Amino acid sequence: MPKQKTHSGAAKRFKVTANGKLKRKQAFDSHILGKKTSKRKRSLEKPLIVGPSDEKRLKKLLAK
């Protein structure tokens, strides 16, 4: 059986942590930043862990 290829779009957006969880960037941080408070923009910089409902599907895309 052939190997599964990594989905290149998913590979650019998600990183696997040392414990096997998936890290992702938060949304709403790329434009229209003038109306957002500094506190809100700082908190949007921090990465999040992907939820359990999406994790299985994304690990297939990443061939993990």
C-alpha atoms as a PDB file:
ATOM      1  CA  MET A   1       0.000   0.000   0.000  1.00  0.00           C
ATOM      2  CA  PRO A   2       1.418   3.435  -0.907  1.00  0.00           C
ATOM      3  CA  LYS A   3       2.307   6.001   1.704  1.00  0.00           C
ATOM      4  CA  GLN A   4      -0.147   8.801   2.377  1.00  0.00           C
ATOM      5  CA  LYS A   5       1.005  12.216   1.240  1.00  0.00           C
ATOM      6  CA  THR A   6       0.970  15.167   3.620  1.00  0.00           C
ATOM      7  CA  HIS A   7      -1.639  17.818   2.769  1.00  0.00           C
ATOM      8  CA  SER A   8       0.575  20.822   2.023  1.00  0.00           C
ATOM      9  CA  GLY A   9      -2.082  23.374   3.044  1.00  0.00           C
ATOM     10  CA  ALA A  10      -2.528  21.725   6.432  1.00  0.00           C
ATOM     11  CA  ALA A  11       1.238  21.404   6.911  1.00  0.00           C
ATOM     12  CA  LYS A  12       1.602  25.187   6.585  1.00  0.00           C
ATOM     13  CA  ARG A  13      -1.116  25.891   9.160  1.00  0.00           C
ATOM     14  CA  PHE A  14      -0.567  23.267  11.861  1.00  0.00           C
ATOM     15  CA  LYS A  15       2.478  22.074  13.804  1.00  0.00           C
ATOM     16  CA  VAL A  16       2.715  18.930  15.925  1.00  0.00           C
ATOM     17  CA  THR A  17       3.926  19.484  19.491  1.00  0.00           C
ATOM     18  CA  ALA A  18       6.283  17.156  21.362  1.00  0.00           C
ATOM     19  CA  ASN A  19       3.284  15.504  23.040  1.00  0.00           C
ATOM     20  CA  GLY A  20       1.560  14.880  19.700  1.00  0.00           C
ATOM     21  CA  LYS A  21      -1.008  17.665  19.991  1.00  0.00           C
ATOM     22  CA  LEU A  22      -1.630  20.110  17.141  1.00  0.00           C
ATOM     23  CA  LYS A  23      -0.872  23.811  17.421  1.00  0.00           C
ATOM     24  CA  ARG A  24      -2.710  26.403  15.334  1.00  0.00           C
ATOM     25  CA  LYS A  25      -2.763  30.181  14.899  1.00  0.00           C
ATOM     26  CA  GLN A  26      -5.750  32.169  16.122  1.00  0.00           C
ATOM     27  CA  ALA A  27      -8.116  33.802  13.658  1.00  0.00           C
ATOM     28  CA  PHE A  28      -8.920  37.545  13.428  1.00  0.00           C
ATOM     29  CA  ASP A  29      -5.283  38.701  13.667  1.00  0.00           C
ATOM     30  CA  SER A  30      -4.383  39.589  10.093  1.00  0.00           C
ATOM     31  CA  HIS A  31      -6.238  42.820   9.256  1.00  0.00           C
ATOM     32  CA  ILE A  32      -8.610  45.480  10.631  1.00  0.00           C
ATOM     33  CA  LEU A  33      -6.344  45.758  13.664  1.00  0.00           C
ATOM     34  CA  GLY A  34      -6.977  49.453  14.369  1.00  0.00           C
ATOM     35  CA  LYS A  35     -10.237  48.873  16.215  1.00  0.00           C
ATOM     36  CA  LYS A  36      -8.876  46.005  18.336  1.00  0.00           C
ATOM     37  CA  THR A  37      -7.339  46.766  21.703  1.00  0.00           C
ATOM     38  CA  SER A  38      -3.647  46.089  22.350  1.00  0.00           C
ATOM     39  CA  LYS A  39      -4.611  43.507  24.967  1.00  0.00           C
ATOM     40  CA  ARG A  40      -6.799  41.675  22.470  1.00  0.00           C
ATOM     41  CA  LYS A  41      -4.101  41.753  19.772  1.00  0.00           C
ATOM     42  CA  ARG A  42      -1.495  40.378  22.198  1.00  0.00           C
ATOM     43  CA  SER A  43      -3.766  37.494  23.145  1.00  0.00           C
ATOM     44  CA  LEU A  44      -4.418  36.706  19.469  1.00  0.00           C
ATOM     45  CA  GLU A  45      -0.671  36.206  18.899  1.00  0.00           C
ATOM     46  CA  LYS A  46      -0.581  33.137  21.141  1.00  0.00           C
ATOM     47  CA  PRO A  47      -1.054  29.752  19.485  1.00  0.00           C
ATOM     48  CA  LEU A  48      -3.913  27.456  20.471  1.00  0.00           C
ATOM     49  CA  ILE A  49      -4.221  23.690  20.679  1.00  0.00           C
ATOM     50  CA  VAL A  50      -6.610  22.127  18.154  1.00  0.00           C
ATOM     51  CA  GLY A  51      -9.764  20.701  19.730  1.00  0.00           C
ATOM     52  CA  PRO A  52     -10.323  16.950  20.031  1.00  0.00           C
ATOM     53  CA  SER A  53     -13.139  16.928  17.460  1.00  0.00           C
ATOM     54  CA  ASP A  54     -10.800  18.160  14.693  1.00  0.00           C
ATOM     55  CA  GLU A  55      -7.578  16.501  15.834  1.00  0.00           C
ATOM     56  CA  LYS A  56      -8.204  13.057  14.309  1.00  0.00           C
ATOM     57  CA  ARG A  57      -9.136  14.524  10.899  1.00  0.00           C
ATOM     58  CA  LEU A  58      -6.122  16.849  10.844  1.00  0.00           C
ATOM     59  CA  LYS A  59      -3.673  14.107  11.824  1.00  0.00           C
ATOM     60  CA  LYS A  60      -4.831  12.189   8.750  1.00  0.00           C
ATOM     61  CA  LEU A  61      -4.119  15.226   6.570  1.00  0.00           C
ATOM     62  CA  LEU A  62      -0.687  15.559   8.136  1.00  0.00           C
ATOM     63  CA  ALA A  63      -0.050  11.801   7.682  1.00  0.00           C
ATOM     64  CA  LYS A  64       0.690  11.355  11.424  1.00  0.00           C
END
